[in-house]
Protein backbone atom coordinates (compact mmCIF):
# COMPACT_ATOMS: atom_id res chain seq x y z
CA MET A 1 144.34 70.40 65.63
CA LYS A 2 143.29 73.81 64.62
CA PRO A 3 144.59 75.27 61.22
CA ARG A 4 147.81 77.42 61.77
CA PHE A 5 147.04 81.07 61.38
CA ASP A 6 148.87 81.25 57.99
CA ASN A 7 146.34 78.81 56.43
CA TYR A 8 143.52 81.19 57.23
CA VAL A 9 145.63 84.06 55.38
CA ALA A 10 146.14 82.07 52.30
CA ILE A 11 142.46 80.91 52.12
CA CYS A 12 141.43 84.69 52.56
CA ILE A 13 143.62 86.02 49.86
CA VAL A 14 142.75 83.16 47.42
CA ILE A 15 139.12 84.12 47.97
CA ALA A 16 139.88 87.72 47.64
CA VAL A 17 141.79 87.42 44.70
CA LEU A 18 138.84 85.15 42.92
CA THR A 19 136.14 87.34 44.08
CA CYS A 20 137.95 90.49 42.17
CA ILE A 21 138.40 88.80 39.06
CA THR A 22 134.74 87.64 38.89
CA ILE A 23 133.53 91.04 39.87
CA LEU A 24 135.89 93.19 37.31
CA PRO A 25 134.63 94.39 34.06
CA VAL A 26 135.10 92.43 30.98
CA PRO A 27 135.21 94.20 27.64
CA VAL A 28 132.50 93.28 25.18
CA ALA A 29 132.48 91.91 22.04
CA GLY A 30 131.18 94.90 19.80
CA LEU A 31 129.62 94.77 16.66
CA LYS A 32 129.99 92.77 13.63
CA VAL A 33 128.39 94.30 10.34
CA ALA A 34 127.73 92.25 6.96
CA GLY A 35 127.49 94.11 3.65
CA SER A 36 130.29 96.62 5.35
CA LEU A 37 130.76 97.91 1.67
CA TYR A 38 129.16 98.41 -1.16
CA THR A 39 130.74 98.73 -5.31
CA GLY A 40 128.92 98.59 -7.92
CA THR A 41 128.43 99.84 -11.31
CA VAL A 42 124.84 101.52 -11.67
CA SER A 43 123.73 103.12 -14.81
CA PRO A 44 121.78 106.71 -15.00
CA GLY A 45 118.36 106.50 -13.30
CA GLN A 46 118.50 103.33 -11.82
CA THR A 47 118.13 102.28 -8.35
CA VAL A 48 119.99 99.30 -6.08
CA VAL A 49 119.27 98.11 -2.86
CA HIS A 50 122.31 97.41 -0.48
CA PRO A 51 121.41 95.47 2.85
CA ILE A 52 123.31 96.11 5.88
CA THR A 53 123.13 93.58 8.85
CA ILE A 54 124.48 94.99 12.36
CA SER A 55 124.84 92.03 15.05
CA SER A 56 125.65 91.89 18.60
CA SER A 57 127.19 89.47 20.93
CA ALA A 58 125.26 87.96 24.09
CA ASP A 59 127.43 89.84 26.03
CA ASP A 60 126.59 93.39 24.51
CA PRO A 61 124.20 95.33 26.61
CA PRO A 62 120.91 96.87 24.74
CA THR A 63 121.63 99.75 22.68
CA ASP A 64 120.10 102.62 20.50
CA PHE A 65 121.69 102.97 17.21
CA VAL A 66 121.34 105.55 14.56
CA VAL A 67 122.60 105.70 10.90
CA ASP A 68 123.86 108.80 8.90
CA VAL A 69 124.95 108.89 5.38
CA MET A 70 128.12 111.32 5.39
CA GLY A 71 130.37 112.38 3.17
CA PHE A 72 133.35 110.56 1.82
CA GLY A 73 136.79 111.43 3.15
CA GLN A 74 140.45 110.44 2.98
CA SER A 75 143.53 110.55 4.65
CA LEU A 76 146.66 111.15 3.95
CA ASP A 77 147.49 107.83 4.81
CA LYS A 78 144.74 106.74 2.58
CA SER A 79 142.62 105.57 4.99
CA PHE A 80 138.97 106.55 4.72
CA THR A 81 137.18 108.97 7.07
CA ALA A 82 133.34 109.99 7.12
CA ILE A 83 132.83 113.70 6.71
CA ALA A 84 130.07 115.70 7.87
CA PRO A 85 127.19 116.72 5.31
CA SER A 86 127.97 120.30 5.65
CA SER A 87 131.60 119.81 4.68
CA ASP A 88 131.02 117.30 2.29
CA THR A 89 131.61 119.79 -1.22
CA SER A 90 133.18 117.04 -3.82
CA PRO A 91 131.63 116.40 -6.93
CA TYR A 92 131.70 112.79 -6.61
CA SER A 93 129.29 112.93 -3.18
CA ALA A 94 126.92 110.42 -3.50
CA ARG A 95 125.36 111.30 -0.23
CA SER A 96 122.44 112.62 -1.75
CA PHE A 97 121.57 109.57 -3.72
CA ILE A 98 121.31 107.31 -0.30
CA SER A 99 118.61 106.94 1.80
CA ILE A 100 118.09 104.50 4.54
CA ASP A 101 114.83 102.80 6.02
CA ASN A 102 115.81 102.80 9.60
CA SER A 103 117.77 105.48 10.50
CA THR A 104 117.46 104.65 13.81
CA PHE A 105 117.44 101.18 15.78
CA HIS A 106 117.17 99.22 18.61
CA LEU A 107 119.61 96.28 19.13
CA ASP A 108 118.87 93.92 22.30
CA PRO A 109 121.80 91.24 23.51
CA GLY A 110 122.57 88.53 20.73
CA ALA A 111 120.28 90.09 18.53
CA SER A 112 120.69 91.60 14.57
CA MET A 113 118.93 93.87 12.81
CA THR A 114 118.97 94.42 8.74
CA ILE A 115 118.74 97.73 7.65
CA GLN A 116 118.54 98.91 3.75
CA ALA A 117 120.31 101.45 1.96
CA THR A 118 118.16 102.60 -1.25
CA ILE A 119 120.89 103.88 -3.63
CA SER A 120 119.01 105.87 -6.42
CA VAL A 121 121.34 107.40 -9.27
CA PRO A 122 119.57 110.25 -10.90
CA LYS A 123 119.49 110.37 -15.09
CA ASP A 124 121.33 113.13 -15.37
CA SER A 125 124.21 112.07 -13.68
CA GLY A 126 127.57 112.08 -15.36
CA PRO A 127 130.26 109.59 -15.99
CA GLY A 128 132.98 108.59 -13.08
CA GLY A 129 132.60 107.50 -9.36
CA ARG A 130 130.46 108.93 -6.60
CA TYR A 131 130.95 108.10 -3.13
CA ALA A 132 129.46 108.15 -0.06
CA ILE A 133 129.72 106.57 3.62
CA ILE A 134 127.06 104.91 5.65
CA TYR A 135 128.14 105.77 9.40
CA ILE A 136 126.47 103.54 12.11
CA HIS A 137 126.57 104.31 15.55
CA PRO A 138 125.25 104.29 19.15
CA LEU A 139 122.61 106.91 19.70
CA PRO A 140 124.68 109.84 21.49
CA ASN A 141 123.68 110.50 25.06
CA ALA A 142 122.11 106.88 25.20
CA LYS A 143 122.21 105.32 28.53
CA THR A 144 124.61 102.38 27.83
CA SER A 145 128.05 100.91 28.29
CA LEU A 146 128.50 99.14 25.07
CA VAL A 147 131.89 99.61 24.29
CA ALA A 148 132.08 100.05 20.24
CA THR A 149 133.59 101.45 17.78
CA ALA A 150 131.04 103.43 15.09
CA VAL A 151 130.91 101.49 11.88
CA ASN A 152 131.48 103.17 8.48
CA VAL A 153 130.59 101.34 5.36
CA PRO A 154 131.47 103.02 2.11
CA VAL A 155 129.60 103.41 -0.57
CA LEU A 156 131.77 103.37 -3.93
CA ILE A 157 129.53 103.62 -7.03
CA THR A 158 130.46 103.78 -10.56
CA ILE A 159 128.09 105.25 -12.98
CA ASP A 160 127.54 103.31 -16.07
CA SER A 161 128.58 105.74 -18.82
CA PRO A 162 131.41 106.18 -21.17
CA GLY A 163 133.92 108.87 -19.73
CA LEU A 164 136.01 107.21 -16.97
CA THR A 165 139.17 109.17 -16.43
CA ARG A 166 141.89 107.54 -14.57
CA THR A 167 144.54 110.74 -14.36
CA GLY A 168 146.69 111.60 -11.12
CA MET A 169 149.00 114.32 -10.18
CA ILE A 170 151.90 114.66 -7.96
CA THR A 171 151.71 117.96 -5.84
CA ASP A 172 154.38 117.87 -3.62
CA LEU A 173 157.82 115.64 -3.20
CA LYS A 174 160.25 116.24 -0.01
CA THR A 175 161.94 114.01 2.41
CA GLY A 176 161.18 114.03 6.19
CA ASP A 177 164.26 115.02 8.78
CA ILE A 178 167.40 113.88 8.14
CA VAL A 179 168.47 112.51 11.49
CA ALA A 180 171.60 110.13 11.72
CA GLY A 181 170.73 106.55 12.65
CA GLN A 182 166.69 106.95 11.29
CA PRO A 183 165.39 105.73 8.04
CA LEU A 184 165.18 109.15 5.70
CA ALA A 185 161.82 109.21 4.50
CA ILE A 186 160.60 110.23 1.11
CA ILE A 187 157.44 111.55 0.86
CA THR A 188 155.21 111.79 -2.40
CA SER A 189 151.98 113.76 -2.12
CA PHE A 190 149.33 112.63 -5.40
CA LYS A 191 146.21 113.73 -5.92
CA ASN A 192 143.48 111.91 -7.99
CA THR A 193 142.86 114.20 -10.59
CA GLY A 194 140.44 111.94 -12.74
CA ASN A 195 136.67 111.17 -12.32
CA TYR A 196 137.02 107.35 -10.94
CA HIS A 197 138.88 105.64 -8.10
CA TYR A 198 141.64 103.54 -8.41
CA LYS A 199 143.85 101.11 -6.27
CA ASN A 200 147.14 99.01 -6.74
CA THR A 201 148.75 102.06 -7.42
CA VAL A 202 152.81 102.13 -7.07
CA ASP A 203 155.77 104.64 -5.97
CA ASP A 204 159.13 104.24 -7.53
CA VAL A 205 161.64 106.23 -6.42
CA LEU A 206 165.49 107.05 -7.77
CA VAL A 207 167.54 109.06 -5.51
CA THR A 208 171.08 110.27 -7.41
CA ASP A 209 174.10 112.21 -6.58
CA SER A 210 175.57 115.69 -7.82
CA SER A 211 176.99 113.74 -10.07
CA GLY A 212 174.14 111.80 -11.47
CA LYS A 213 175.64 108.26 -9.90
CA GLN A 214 172.57 106.27 -8.79
CA VAL A 215 172.43 105.70 -4.79
CA ALA A 216 168.97 104.19 -4.14
CA GLN A 217 166.05 102.77 -6.06
CA LEU A 218 163.17 102.31 -3.88
CA SER A 219 159.53 101.38 -4.47
CA THR A 220 156.14 100.47 -2.13
CA ASP A 221 153.97 98.03 -2.37
CA PRO A 222 150.74 98.32 -4.53
CA THR A 223 148.55 100.05 -2.24
CA PRO A 224 145.45 97.98 -1.53
CA TYR A 225 143.51 101.31 -0.97
CA SER A 226 141.31 103.00 -3.62
CA ILE A 227 142.52 106.91 -4.21
CA ILE A 228 139.10 108.35 -4.33
CA PRO A 229 138.79 111.78 -6.39
CA PRO A 230 139.97 114.57 -6.00
CA ASN A 231 141.33 113.53 -2.69
CA THR A 232 145.61 113.44 -2.06
CA VAL A 233 147.16 110.82 -0.27
CA GLU A 234 150.92 110.24 0.53
CA TYR A 235 153.16 107.62 -0.39
CA ILE A 236 156.71 107.08 1.81
CA VAL A 237 159.53 105.36 1.28
CA ASN A 238 162.48 105.03 3.66
CA LEU A 239 165.99 105.31 2.47
CA LYS A 240 168.57 103.45 4.21
CA THR A 241 171.66 103.92 2.44
CA ALA A 242 174.60 106.29 3.82
CA LEU A 243 175.29 109.59 2.37
CA SER A 244 178.06 112.35 2.28
CA PRO A 245 177.35 116.10 2.44
CA GLY A 246 175.89 117.17 -0.73
CA THR A 247 173.00 117.66 -3.08
CA TYR A 248 170.92 114.84 -4.01
CA THR A 249 168.41 114.40 -6.63
CA MET A 250 165.03 112.16 -6.21
CA LYS A 251 162.71 111.26 -8.88
CA SER A 252 159.44 109.97 -7.71
CA SER A 253 157.11 108.27 -10.52
CA ILE A 254 153.63 106.91 -9.80
CA SER A 255 152.56 104.07 -11.89
CA LEU A 256 148.70 102.33 -12.25
CA ASP A 257 148.95 99.16 -14.24
CA ARG A 258 152.63 99.97 -14.96
CA GLN A 259 151.76 103.08 -16.71
CA VAL A 260 153.21 106.14 -15.53
CA LEU A 261 150.27 108.47 -14.03
CA ASP A 262 152.93 111.41 -12.91
CA SER A 263 156.25 112.06 -12.50
CA LYS A 264 158.39 114.97 -10.34
CA THR A 265 161.88 115.77 -9.70
CA SER A 266 163.09 117.56 -6.58
CA THR A 267 166.75 118.01 -4.42
CA PHE A 268 167.36 117.80 -1.03
CA GLU A 269 170.49 118.81 0.98
CA VAL A 270 172.96 116.56 3.43
CA LYS A 271 174.77 119.12 5.57
CA SER A 272 176.77 116.18 7.42
CA ASN A 273 177.01 112.58 7.31
CA TYR A 274 174.08 110.60 6.90
CA VAL A 275 174.57 107.40 8.92
CA ALA A 276 172.38 104.79 7.84
CA PRO A 277 170.17 102.93 10.30
CA PRO A 278 170.69 99.49 11.18
CA LEU A 279 169.11 96.77 9.15
CA GLU A 280 166.30 94.55 9.85
CA THR A 281 167.22 91.72 12.44
CA SER A 282 165.25 88.54 13.66
CA VAL A 283 165.67 86.06 16.08
CA SER A 284 163.81 82.77 16.70
CA LEU A 285 162.48 82.13 20.59
CA THR A 286 161.50 78.89 22.15
CA PRO A 287 160.24 78.53 25.79
CA GLN A 288 163.16 76.05 26.63
CA ASN A 289 165.88 78.72 25.50
CA SER A 290 167.53 82.41 26.32
CA ALA A 291 167.96 84.44 23.23
CA THR A 292 169.49 87.68 22.19
CA LEU A 293 168.13 90.09 19.88
CA ALA A 294 170.53 92.58 18.29
CA SER A 295 170.58 95.45 15.81
CA SER A 296 173.24 95.10 13.24
CA ASP A 297 174.87 97.78 14.39
CA GLY A 298 175.00 96.39 18.05
CA ARG A 299 173.17 99.54 19.41
CA ILE A 300 170.05 97.65 20.58
CA THR A 301 170.22 94.33 22.28
CA ILE A 302 167.10 92.27 23.94
CA GLY A 303 167.73 89.58 26.11
CA PHE A 304 165.08 87.11 26.52
CA PRO A 305 165.13 84.86 29.57
CA ALA A 306 164.19 80.82 29.09
CA GLY A 307 160.84 80.68 29.65
CA ALA A 308 159.75 84.19 28.38
CA VAL A 309 157.49 82.62 25.59
CA ILE A 310 155.13 79.73 26.01
CA SER A 311 155.63 78.81 22.68
CA ASP A 312 158.16 79.02 19.52
CA ALA A 313 157.66 82.80 17.87
CA THR A 314 159.98 84.64 15.57
CA VAL A 315 161.03 88.40 16.63
CA THR A 316 161.70 90.97 14.41
CA LEU A 317 163.59 94.20 15.32
CA LYS A 318 162.93 97.06 12.64
CA PRO A 319 163.90 100.84 12.71
CA ILE A 320 161.63 102.92 12.27
CA ALA A 321 161.74 107.17 11.48
CA ILE A 322 160.60 109.80 13.82
CA SER A 323 157.77 110.89 11.68
CA GLN A 324 156.19 107.39 12.07
CA LEU A 325 155.84 107.63 15.76
CA PRO A 326 152.39 108.10 17.47
CA THR A 327 151.80 111.35 19.14
CA ILE A 328 154.47 111.90 21.67
CA PRO A 329 153.36 112.64 25.51
CA ALA A 330 153.24 116.45 26.02
CA ASP A 331 156.36 116.32 28.79
CA ALA A 332 158.12 114.17 26.71
CA LYS A 333 160.69 114.90 23.66
CA ALA A 334 161.27 112.09 21.11
CA GLY A 335 165.34 111.67 20.67
CA GLY A 336 166.56 109.97 17.27
CA THR A 337 166.53 106.27 18.21
CA CYS A 338 163.11 104.73 17.17
CA PHE A 339 162.53 101.24 16.05
CA LEU A 340 159.62 98.29 16.37
CA VAL A 341 159.97 94.97 17.71
CA ASP A 342 157.57 92.54 15.89
CA GLY A 343 156.18 88.77 16.25
CA LEU A 344 155.12 89.02 19.61
CA THR A 345 151.27 89.30 21.06
CA GLY A 346 150.05 89.59 24.56
CA LEU A 347 152.71 89.53 27.32
CA LEU A 348 155.91 87.74 28.23
CA SER A 349 155.94 85.24 30.89
CA LYS A 350 159.29 86.70 31.92
CA ASP A 351 160.73 89.98 31.54
CA ALA A 352 163.37 90.63 29.20
CA ALA A 353 165.99 93.01 29.11
CA ILE A 354 166.36 96.01 26.84
CA SER A 355 169.42 97.49 26.13
CA VAL A 356 170.19 100.74 23.82
CA LYS A 357 173.01 103.15 23.29
CA TYR A 358 172.20 106.63 23.10
CA SER A 359 173.01 109.11 20.08
CA SER A 360 174.18 112.36 20.30
CA THR A 361 170.57 113.13 18.74
CA ASP A 362 169.11 111.58 21.26
CA LEU A 363 171.30 113.56 23.68
CA ASP A 364 170.40 116.54 21.70
CA ALA A 365 166.93 116.36 22.99
CA ALA A 366 167.95 116.38 26.26
CA ASN A 367 169.70 119.42 26.12
CA GLY A 368 172.99 117.27 26.70
CA ASP A 369 171.73 116.04 29.89
CA ALA A 370 171.79 112.16 29.77
CA SER A 371 169.98 112.03 33.16
CA LYS A 372 166.80 113.37 31.32
CA LEU A 373 166.68 110.24 29.14
CA VAL A 374 164.06 107.27 29.20
CA LEU A 375 163.24 104.13 27.43
CA ALA A 376 159.73 104.73 26.03
CA ARG A 377 157.23 101.95 25.07
CA TYR A 378 153.91 102.47 22.58
CA ASP A 379 151.13 100.47 23.81
CA GLN A 380 148.90 99.67 20.87
CA SER A 381 146.17 98.24 23.10
CA ASP A 382 145.74 101.11 25.48
CA GLY A 383 146.78 103.81 22.85
CA LYS A 384 149.42 105.38 24.85
CA TRP A 385 153.05 105.54 25.66
CA THR A 386 154.67 104.21 28.71
CA LEU A 387 157.79 106.06 30.15
CA LEU A 388 159.88 102.88 31.41
CA GLN A 389 162.00 102.80 34.78
CA THR A 390 165.47 103.38 33.10
CA SER A 391 169.07 103.08 34.36
CA VAL A 392 171.78 105.09 32.42
CA ASN A 393 175.17 104.67 31.98
CA LYS A 394 177.03 107.89 31.28
CA ASP A 395 180.32 105.85 30.99
CA THR A 396 178.91 103.33 27.97
CA THR A 397 175.99 105.86 27.28
CA THR A 398 173.68 102.69 27.40
CA LEU A 399 170.01 103.19 28.70
CA SER A 400 168.90 100.01 30.24
CA ALA A 401 165.47 98.72 31.50
CA THR A 402 163.31 95.77 31.69
CA THR A 403 159.90 94.96 29.80
CA ASN A 404 157.16 92.17 29.46
CA ARG A 405 156.00 93.30 26.14
CA PHE A 406 157.25 95.05 23.10
CA SER A 407 155.79 97.09 20.17
CA THR A 408 156.80 100.71 19.01
CA TRP A 409 159.97 101.98 21.06
CA ALA A 410 161.72 105.23 21.54
CA VAL A 411 164.41 107.17 23.58
CA MET A 412 162.85 110.14 25.03
CA ALA A 413 163.78 113.11 27.25
CA THR A 414 161.67 114.16 30.14
CA SER A 415 161.78 116.31 32.71
CA GLY A 416 162.29 113.51 35.47
CA GLN A 417 165.31 111.68 35.73
CA ALA A 418 166.38 108.06 35.05
CA THR A 419 168.19 105.79 37.69
CA GLN A 420 172.07 106.17 36.63
CA THR A 421 175.07 104.38 37.13
CA GLY A 422 178.37 105.52 36.35
CA GLY A 423 177.37 108.87 37.91
CA LYS A 424 175.56 110.73 40.30
CA THR A 425 172.10 108.55 41.27
CA GLY A 426 168.76 109.63 41.16
CA GLY A 427 165.24 108.17 40.63
CA PHE A 428 163.02 108.20 37.81
CA LEU A 429 159.33 107.01 38.48
CA GLY A 430 156.95 109.81 37.53
CA GLY A 431 156.60 108.45 33.80
CA ILE A 432 155.75 104.97 34.79
CA VAL A 433 151.86 104.18 33.88
CA ALA A 434 150.23 103.54 37.24
CA LEU A 435 148.59 100.39 38.43
CA ASP A 436 144.68 99.96 39.01
CA VAL A 437 144.76 100.00 42.45
CA THR A 438 140.93 99.17 43.00
CA PRO A 439 141.55 95.21 42.63
CA VAL A 440 143.93 95.74 45.32
CA LEU A 441 141.60 97.51 47.25
CA LEU A 442 138.66 95.14 46.67
CA SER A 443 141.14 92.24 47.88
CA LEU A 444 142.43 94.15 50.68
CA GLY A 445 138.66 94.77 52.12
CA LEU A 446 137.53 91.04 51.44
CA MET A 447 140.29 89.88 53.57
CA ILE A 448 139.42 91.99 56.29
CA VAL A 449 136.15 91.47 56.33
CA ILE A 450 136.99 87.31 55.93
CA PHE A 451 139.34 87.49 58.68
CA GLY A 452 136.98 89.34 60.79
CA ILE A 453 134.60 86.69 60.61
CA TRP A 454 137.53 83.88 61.59
CA LYS A 455 138.49 86.01 64.67
CA ARG A 456 135.30 86.29 66.00
CA ARG A 457 134.34 82.50 65.39
CA LYS A 458 137.74 81.58 67.28
CA ASP A 459 137.20 83.84 69.94
């Protein structure tokens, strides 16, 4: 008896899908670096050598690399950045101290290369720290498909000489936007005015009302990043206490080893009642059971069906400030509802249902038109926002959607329309990230070819 037509179709589909998966590109592992940081004390006139070993995986293509010695920059978030030699004007630069034995090299798959960074400190170097970044990256215009992030090797030198000074100054103290339902960010700008780097600094902030009564006392964790002179960085604490209209005083103090480096006082005004954000909440997930994660004020609800996860997990919902959101898409505007769902890695096995009650601030972002509101999710792995197909219920002021992943979320206003209930119905599709149709087309093509061969043989 001959196999039925449906059996051949099923076989075609299986073969097409397996072939498609086989030929799709697989991301490479990227570079591994030993000696990715240099910190040491060097005497004036002394020379030291720092070895750096760069390794590729067996799956990486052959690549040409170049090594540049750059200036040492630091962002407001305290992370280190390489700056071009033409912009390296710091009196604490070590760029001219460093030479590289192999400024260009070739790396075959699975191979490694060790380069030597020679650090020669001039005899007339004064006290303090000296800083540079060794920047290792694929040769520009190299014909390679390597997907690798450039490697920064920070160099932090301490000159072995009396006269190290660890001082700092608060240059600014301000709040972020005061938005009901969002954490109120208190931002302290701090500059290292000494001649030496230090870390484990702490920012303590005291907030009082017009009568002098304490409203909140906040503190940061000790920062793991060194603060490099003469850079300015920011410390951010989030106020999550309800405030009545009035004028408030905030005092910020930056401490190092329990010694206050500097303090600054400023005021801010609350013009209407400030509603505190919901408290952080968590729920435990198991593969066998359904569960619901809800914010403390009940505005955000996430329903996980049984089988959504394949192993036990604890999921946490945290409110965040709008200033903490990644860059918003050009055709969208963030409202006031922003939060982070943490504790899950990868995709869910079954979609979760998310429901958010939109606020007056969210509605203001849409100029009063709730049909413009959507739920937006930032996908960290892709580095972009996804505007989900969202149902809007104006009667209950609720936005609803389904999702198979979680990270940073926000209510956004767009030029499109969400699907509505309790009112006129429209369709919003424009913000959904498009599927990659290449695998689909390949599968269909293979199915047609296989079916054609089978058909000719049958005839």
